[in-house]
Amino acid sequence: MTDFDRSLSATLERAAGDDVHVEGLLAGARRAGVRYRRRRVGLVTGAGLAAGLAALVVTMTVLGPNGGPASAPQYGSTPGSPVGSSKSAAPPRHRELTTWPAPPAATATTALRLRLSLAQPPFAMTSVQHQLFVDERQENLYVDGAERRLTVRFGATTQDFEPLDGQTRSVSVSGRPATFAVDRSDRGNGTVLRWRTADGRWLQIVGAADETEALRIAASVRTDGAFRCVVPFRLGHLPAGMTAESCSMVFTGDGVVMTTLSVSDGAFHVLFDTTTQGSGRSVSETQHPGDGGASIMESTAEQPGGGAVSLTASGAYDVALVRAIRNGLVWTGGTDPATWPADPM
């Protein structure tokens, strides 16, 4: 686990509580070249940042009823986490989802378009994450229950999909040939169901209880949705050439509790890292060595009315430019994602 993994993991655990799994959110902050490793227990992270990777990742939390963070305790540090108090307390929990959550409807000009959904909940859900990788033409759904997680992937290739390890057999999904695999070893993925759609794209379901449940869930997969991935802010100051790479929204019974947005111009990498409490427009900033001794810049900007946006810059970044990106962010806030900017760029 890299410095970025540890720092982001600690941040997301504090911000989202144990209802939202960190591995999916870590993946949302990554670019091409990521390979997913799956364990049945514990955190799962990608294989790391590819050489030359450049991205700007924005992480937002809306936890309170008025669009800002709910009152929450400070959480203790964990091994490898860069910050934390010696005090420890249970993170806040969110209400369960009773219906399948839907992001706002797409418009004719929506760039961050989401198509993947399920027609019905697969089981009692605590959270659902929609995740989009623009350049890779891949979408993911992470569905969490009290004691389990289901992952649905939809992509142009199977490059970042979990492998079909263990015992395999041929099955059928809506008349299309499919492969069902079972690997219940300590490092296995449990069950994996993979098939190809009529238009040549790939679908995969990971984490079903058995073949029967996997096929039932597969029948409810929809890839014709017209939704948009949104965040409650606009990025008013970005270098020319920066485009969106990925976007993510996490839903619970309390609404959207976290979003991520990444953009890139190929020159540097910035990761929004820490979510704080409070209100006003206070800003914190620090720099410290990261993996390999390279400098990392961390900054958090609290927003009027509550809520915070945090970033971490690495690589050949320019401090003044990172500050300009941070200071140029226009916070809209609110609890209804339909009212957030249609295009954060």
Protein backbone atom coordinates (compact mmCIF):
# COMPACT_ATOMS: atom_id res chain seq x y z
CA MET A 1 0.00 0.00 0.00
CA THR A 2 1.49 3.35 -1.06
CA ASP A 3 1.44 6.65 0.81
CA PHE A 4 -1.52 7.69 -1.34
CA ASP A 5 -3.35 4.45 -0.49
CA ARG A 6 -2.82 4.89 3.24
CA SER A 7 -3.69 8.57 3.29
CA LEU A 8 -6.79 8.27 1.11
CA SER A 9 -7.92 5.13 2.90
CA ALA A 10 -7.74 6.83 6.30
CA THR A 11 -9.55 9.88 4.96
CA LEU A 12 -12.37 7.95 3.37
CA GLU A 13 -12.85 5.77 6.42
CA ARG A 14 -13.23 8.89 8.56
CA ALA A 15 -15.52 10.64 6.09
CA ALA A 16 -17.81 7.81 5.08
CA GLY A 17 -17.79 5.42 8.02
CA ASP A 18 -17.83 1.66 7.64
CA ASP A 19 -20.93 1.63 5.43
CA VAL A 20 -18.84 2.69 2.42
CA HIS A 21 -16.03 0.37 1.39
CA VAL A 22 -12.73 2.08 0.73
CA GLU A 23 -11.52 -0.14 -2.09
CA GLY A 24 -14.05 1.18 -4.55
CA LEU A 25 -13.31 4.77 -3.64
CA LEU A 26 -9.57 4.19 -3.98
CA ALA A 27 -10.22 2.80 -7.45
CA GLY A 28 -12.16 5.93 -8.30
CA ALA A 29 -9.07 8.02 -7.65
CA ARG A 30 -6.95 6.04 -10.06
CA ARG A 31 -6.14 6.20 -13.76
CA ALA A 32 -5.45 3.59 -16.45
CA GLY A 33 -2.91 0.94 -15.54
CA VAL A 34 -4.65 0.03 -12.32
CA ARG A 35 -5.14 -3.67 -11.75
CA TYR A 36 -7.53 -4.82 -9.10
CA ARG A 37 -6.50 -7.36 -6.47
CA ARG A 38 -9.34 -8.92 -4.56
CA ARG A 39 -9.29 -10.42 -1.06
CA ARG A 40 -12.29 -11.85 0.68
CA VAL A 41 -11.39 -9.98 3.86
CA GLY A 42 -9.80 -6.57 4.31
CA LEU A 43 -9.00 -3.66 2.02
CA VAL A 44 -8.45 -4.20 -1.67
CA THR A 45 -6.39 -1.70 -3.61
CA GLY A 46 -5.08 -1.35 -7.13
CA ALA A 47 -1.55 -2.24 -8.12
CA GLY A 48 -0.53 1.40 -7.84
CA LEU A 49 -0.10 4.45 -9.99
CA ALA A 50 1.34 3.92 -13.44
CA ALA A 51 4.53 5.77 -14.32
CA GLY A 52 3.82 9.23 -15.64
CA LEU A 53 0.26 9.18 -14.36
CA ALA A 54 -1.29 12.64 -14.14
CA ALA A 55 -4.65 13.33 -12.58
CA LEU A 56 -6.56 15.72 -10.41
CA VAL A 57 -8.96 14.01 -8.05
CA VAL A 58 -11.62 15.90 -6.12
CA THR A 59 -13.31 14.28 -3.12
CA MET A 60 -16.45 15.75 -1.57
CA THR A 61 -18.49 14.73 1.45
CA VAL A 62 -22.11 15.69 2.14
CA LEU A 63 -23.07 14.09 5.44
CA GLY A 64 -25.32 16.57 7.20
CA PRO A 65 -28.97 17.43 6.49
CA ASN A 66 -28.04 20.89 5.21
CA GLY A 67 -25.42 19.85 2.71
CA GLY A 68 -22.48 19.90 5.12
CA PRO A 69 -20.84 17.26 7.24
CA ALA A 70 -22.83 15.94 10.14
CA SER A 71 -21.37 16.33 13.60
CA ALA A 72 -18.94 13.47 14.05
CA PRO A 73 -16.14 12.51 16.42
CA GLN A 74 -12.46 12.60 15.57
CA TYR A 75 -11.17 9.16 14.75
CA GLY A 76 -7.96 7.55 15.89
CA SER A 77 -5.02 6.94 13.60
CA THR A 78 -4.43 3.57 12.01
CA PRO A 79 -1.08 1.97 11.12
CA GLY A 80 0.40 3.89 8.23
CA SER A 81 -2.08 6.76 8.33
CA PRO A 82 -0.38 10.18 8.19
CA VAL A 83 -2.64 11.96 10.68
CA GLY A 84 -4.99 11.15 13.54
CA SER A 85 -5.79 11.62 17.18
CA SER A 86 -4.99 9.13 19.90
CA LYS A 87 -8.71 9.01 20.67
CA SER A 88 -10.83 6.39 18.98
CA ALA A 89 -14.56 6.32 18.32
CA ALA A 90 -16.93 4.44 16.05
CA PRO A 91 -17.55 6.28 12.76
CA PRO A 92 -21.09 7.42 11.94
CA ARG A 93 -23.40 4.97 10.18
CA HIS A 94 -25.85 5.84 7.44
CA ARG A 95 -29.38 4.64 6.91
CA GLU A 96 -29.91 1.64 4.65
CA LEU A 97 -31.19 2.02 1.11
CA THR A 98 -34.75 0.81 0.55
CA THR A 99 -34.83 1.38 -3.24
CA TRP A 100 -32.22 1.40 -5.99
CA PRO A 101 -30.67 4.91 -6.12
CA ALA A 102 -30.54 6.80 -9.40
CA PRO A 103 -28.16 9.67 -10.23
CA PRO A 104 -29.65 12.76 -11.91
CA ALA A 105 -30.95 12.36 -15.45
CA ALA A 106 -28.50 13.03 -18.27
CA THR A 107 -28.95 15.88 -20.70
CA ALA A 108 -27.96 16.22 -24.35
CA THR A 109 -24.64 17.76 -23.33
CA THR A 110 -23.76 15.44 -20.42
CA ALA A 111 -20.10 14.44 -20.63
CA LEU A 112 -19.93 12.22 -17.53
CA ARG A 113 -22.75 9.91 -18.60
CA LEU A 114 -23.67 6.83 -16.56
CA ARG A 115 -25.45 3.90 -18.21
CA LEU A 116 -25.08 0.99 -15.79
CA SER A 117 -27.75 0.15 -13.20
CA LEU A 118 -29.75 -2.70 -11.71
CA ALA A 119 -33.50 -3.05 -12.21
CA GLN A 120 -33.92 -4.16 -8.61
CA PRO A 121 -31.80 -4.34 -5.46
CA PRO A 122 -29.86 -7.63 -5.26
CA PHE A 123 -30.15 -7.74 -1.44
CA ALA A 124 -30.62 -5.37 1.53
CA MET A 125 -28.25 -2.51 0.72
CA THR A 126 -26.27 -0.14 2.92
CA SER A 127 -24.61 1.76 0.05
CA VAL A 128 -24.29 1.87 -3.73
CA GLN A 129 -21.40 3.44 -5.60
CA HIS A 130 -21.59 4.46 -9.26
CA GLN A 131 -18.14 4.81 -10.81
CA LEU A 132 -17.10 5.93 -14.30
CA PHE A 133 -13.73 5.77 -16.08
CA VAL A 134 -14.01 7.99 -19.15
CA ASP A 135 -11.02 7.00 -21.30
CA GLU A 136 -11.35 3.29 -20.50
CA ARG A 137 -15.09 3.35 -21.29
CA GLN A 138 -15.72 1.41 -18.10
CA GLU A 139 -18.40 1.70 -15.43
CA ASN A 140 -18.57 -0.06 -12.08
CA LEU A 141 -21.26 -0.57 -9.47
CA TYR A 142 -20.30 -1.45 -5.90
CA VAL A 143 -23.30 -2.64 -3.90
CA ASP A 144 -22.75 -3.12 -0.17
CA GLY A 145 -24.89 -4.99 2.32
CA ALA A 146 -24.42 -5.54 6.01
CA GLU A 147 -22.05 -8.48 5.51
CA ARG A 148 -21.32 -8.57 1.79
CA ARG A 149 -20.39 -6.69 -1.36
CA LEU A 150 -21.43 -7.13 -4.97
CA THR A 151 -19.44 -5.65 -7.86
CA VAL A 152 -20.81 -5.15 -11.37
CA ARG A 153 -18.41 -4.07 -14.13
CA PHE A 154 -19.26 -2.88 -17.65
CA GLY A 155 -16.38 -2.19 -20.02
CA ALA A 156 -15.00 -2.16 -23.53
CA THR A 157 -12.41 -4.74 -22.44
CA THR A 158 -11.84 -7.03 -19.46
CA GLN A 159 -8.45 -5.47 -18.71
CA ASP A 160 -9.34 -4.36 -15.17
CA PHE A 161 -11.79 -7.16 -14.41
CA GLU A 162 -11.23 -9.82 -11.77
CA PRO A 163 -9.89 -13.04 -13.36
CA LEU A 164 -11.97 -16.14 -13.96
CA ASP A 165 -10.02 -18.29 -11.51
CA GLY A 166 -10.94 -21.57 -9.87
CA GLN A 167 -13.60 -23.91 -11.23
CA THR A 168 -15.38 -22.60 -14.33
CA ARG A 169 -18.40 -23.66 -16.31
CA SER A 170 -20.31 -22.39 -19.33
CA VAL A 171 -23.71 -20.80 -18.69
CA SER A 172 -26.07 -18.43 -20.52
CA VAL A 173 -27.23 -14.87 -19.75
CA SER A 174 -30.21 -13.67 -21.81
CA GLY A 175 -29.21 -16.07 -24.56
CA ARG A 176 -25.59 -14.89 -24.57
CA PRO A 177 -22.77 -17.33 -23.75
CA ALA A 178 -21.25 -16.66 -20.32
CA THR A 179 -18.67 -18.11 -17.94
CA PHE A 180 -19.27 -18.71 -14.24
CA ALA A 181 -16.21 -19.18 -12.01
CA VAL A 182 -15.88 -20.13 -8.34
CA ASP A 183 -12.72 -19.54 -6.31
CA ARG A 184 -13.30 -19.53 -2.56
CA SER A 185 -9.63 -19.64 -1.58
CA ASP A 186 -8.25 -17.00 0.78
CA ARG A 187 -7.20 -14.81 -2.14
CA GLY A 188 -10.04 -15.78 -4.44
CA ASN A 189 -12.90 -13.62 -5.63
CA GLY A 190 -15.65 -16.02 -4.57
CA THR A 191 -17.92 -16.11 -7.61
CA VAL A 192 -17.46 -14.36 -10.95
CA LEU A 193 -19.95 -14.31 -13.83
CA ARG A 194 -18.77 -12.80 -17.14
CA TRP A 195 -20.48 -12.39 -20.50
CA ARG A 196 -20.33 -10.26 -23.64
CA THR A 197 -23.18 -8.05 -24.76
CA ALA A 198 -24.58 -7.94 -28.28
CA ASP A 199 -22.63 -4.73 -29.00
CA GLY A 200 -19.31 -6.34 -28.02
CA ARG A 201 -18.84 -4.88 -24.54
CA TRP A 202 -18.27 -6.95 -21.42
CA LEU A 203 -20.25 -7.37 -18.22
CA GLN A 204 -19.10 -9.04 -15.03
CA ILE A 205 -20.68 -9.74 -11.65
CA VAL A 206 -18.46 -10.52 -8.65
CA GLY A 207 -19.65 -11.59 -5.22
CA ALA A 208 -22.92 -13.41 -5.82
CA ALA A 209 -23.67 -16.14 -3.30
CA ASP A 210 -23.87 -18.83 -5.97
CA GLU A 211 -24.64 -19.43 -9.64
CA THR A 212 -28.39 -19.08 -9.15
CA GLU A 213 -28.05 -15.66 -7.54
CA ALA A 214 -25.47 -14.53 -10.10
CA LEU A 215 -27.83 -15.35 -12.98
CA ARG A 216 -30.74 -13.66 -11.22
CA ILE A 217 -28.73 -10.47 -10.75
CA ALA A 218 -27.46 -10.66 -14.33
CA ALA A 219 -31.05 -10.61 -15.56
CA SER A 220 -31.58 -7.28 -13.77
CA VAL A 221 -28.49 -5.54 -15.18
CA ARG A 222 -29.31 -2.53 -17.38
CA THR A 223 -26.82 -0.75 -19.64
CA ASP A 224 -29.17 1.70 -21.34
CA GLY A 225 -29.46 4.25 -18.54
CA ALA A 226 -29.19 7.98 -19.11
CA PHE A 227 -27.75 9.43 -15.91
CA ARG A 228 -25.02 11.92 -15.16
CA CYS A 229 -22.25 11.83 -12.58
CA VAL A 230 -22.17 15.13 -10.72
CA VAL A 231 -20.37 16.88 -7.86
CA PRO A 232 -21.49 19.92 -5.82
CA PHE A 233 -18.91 22.33 -7.22
CA ARG A 234 -17.33 23.74 -10.35
CA LEU A 235 -13.61 23.86 -11.06
CA GLY A 236 -13.17 27.45 -12.12
CA HIS A 237 -9.40 27.43 -12.60
CA LEU A 238 -7.82 24.55 -14.51
CA PRO A 239 -4.84 24.49 -16.87
CA ALA A 240 -5.68 24.26 -20.55
CA GLY A 241 -6.03 20.68 -21.72
CA MET A 242 -7.31 19.20 -18.47
CA THR A 243 -10.22 16.85 -19.08
CA ALA A 244 -12.31 14.62 -16.85
CA GLU A 245 -10.98 11.10 -16.36
CA SER A 246 -13.27 9.58 -13.76
CA CYS A 247 -16.22 10.33 -11.54
CA SER A 248 -17.91 8.56 -8.66
CA MET A 249 -21.03 8.94 -6.50
CA VAL A 250 -21.77 7.01 -3.30
CA PHE A 251 -25.41 6.70 -2.21
CA THR A 252 -26.81 5.61 1.15
CA GLY A 253 -30.24 6.01 2.69
CA ASP A 254 -29.11 9.54 3.62
CA GLY A 255 -28.57 10.47 -0.02
CA VAL A 256 -25.24 11.11 -1.76
CA VAL A 257 -22.58 10.95 0.96
CA MET A 258 -19.46 11.19 -1.18
CA THR A 259 -18.38 11.96 -4.73
CA THR A 260 -15.05 11.97 -6.55
CA LEU A 261 -13.92 13.64 -9.74
CA SER A 262 -10.58 13.29 -11.50
CA VAL A 263 -9.15 15.33 -14.36
CA SER A 264 -5.80 15.21 -16.12
CA ASP A 265 -3.56 17.06 -18.52
CA GLY A 266 -0.67 14.58 -18.36
CA ALA A 267 1.66 16.86 -16.41
CA PHE A 268 1.03 16.24 -12.70
CA HIS A 269 -1.11 14.32 -10.23
CA VAL A 270 -3.35 15.81 -7.55
CA LEU A 271 -5.45 13.78 -5.13
CA PHE A 272 -8.07 15.34 -2.85
CA ASP A 273 -7.15 13.73 0.42
CA THR A 274 -8.64 15.05 3.66
CA THR A 275 -12.20 15.92 4.65
CA THR A 276 -12.59 18.16 7.70
CA GLN A 277 -15.46 19.58 9.73
CA GLY A 278 -16.36 23.20 10.24
CA SER A 279 -17.60 26.09 8.16
CA GLY A 280 -16.27 29.24 6.63
CA ARG A 281 -13.41 29.42 4.17
CA SER A 282 -10.37 28.30 6.17
CA VAL A 283 -7.53 26.57 4.33
CA SER A 284 -4.86 24.19 5.61
CA GLU A 285 -1.75 23.22 3.68
CA THR A 286 1.34 21.06 4.24
CA GLN A 287 4.10 19.35 2.24
CA HIS A 288 5.99 16.18 3.12
CA PRO A 289 7.99 13.39 1.41
CA GLY A 290 6.02 10.59 -0.21
CA ASP A 291 7.02 7.29 -1.79
CA GLY A 292 10.57 7.47 -3.14
CA GLY A 293 11.14 10.78 -1.38
CA ALA A 294 9.12 12.82 -3.87
CA SER A 295 7.31 15.79 -2.38
CA ILE A 296 3.57 15.61 -1.69
CA MET A 297 1.39 18.67 -1.09
CA GLU A 298 -1.80 18.30 0.93
CA SER A 299 -4.42 21.02 1.18
CA THR A 300 -7.96 21.24 2.54
CA ALA A 301 -10.43 24.05 1.92
CA GLU A 302 -13.53 24.23 4.11
CA GLN A 303 -16.60 25.60 2.38
CA PRO A 304 -19.24 28.13 3.49
CA GLY A 305 -22.12 26.44 5.28
CA GLY A 306 -20.13 23.29 6.04
CA GLY A 307 -18.46 20.73 3.83
CA ALA A 308 -14.86 20.51 2.73
CA VAL A 309 -12.83 19.75 -0.38
CA SER A 310 -9.32 18.36 0.02
CA LEU A 311 -6.48 17.68 -2.38
CA THR A 312 -3.05 16.06 -2.46
CA ALA A 313 -0.59 16.96 -5.21
CA SER A 314 2.34 14.78 -6.28
CA GLY A 315 4.86 14.56 -9.09
CA ALA A 316 6.07 17.64 -10.96
CA TYR A 317 3.35 19.89 -9.61
CA ASP A 318 3.56 23.65 -9.29
CA VAL A 319 2.54 24.86 -5.83
CA ALA A 320 1.06 28.11 -7.15
CA LEU A 321 -0.99 26.23 -9.74
CA VAL A 322 -2.32 23.76 -7.17
CA ARG A 323 -3.33 26.66 -4.94
CA ALA A 324 -5.04 28.36 -7.88
CA ILE A 325 -7.00 25.18 -8.62
CA ARG A 326 -8.02 24.94 -4.98
CA ASN A 327 -8.95 28.61 -4.69
CA GLY A 328 -10.82 28.60 -8.01
CA LEU A 329 -13.24 25.91 -6.87
CA VAL A 330 -16.81 27.23 -6.73
CA TRP A 331 -18.82 25.36 -4.09
CA THR A 332 -22.56 25.00 -4.74
CA GLY A 333 -23.39 22.54 -1.96
CA GLY A 334 -26.89 21.30 -1.27
CA THR A 335 -28.20 17.79 -0.73
CA ASP A 336 -29.98 17.29 -4.08
CA PRO A 337 -27.52 16.19 -6.81
CA ALA A 338 -30.04 17.26 -9.47
CA THR A 339 -29.23 20.87 -8.52
CA TRP A 340 -25.45 20.45 -8.79
CA PRO A 341 -23.60 21.78 -11.85
CA ALA A 342 -24.28 19.74 -14.97
CA ASP A 343 -20.61 20.10 -15.92
CA PRO A 344 -18.02 20.59 -13.14
CA MET A 345 -15.44 21.71 -15.69
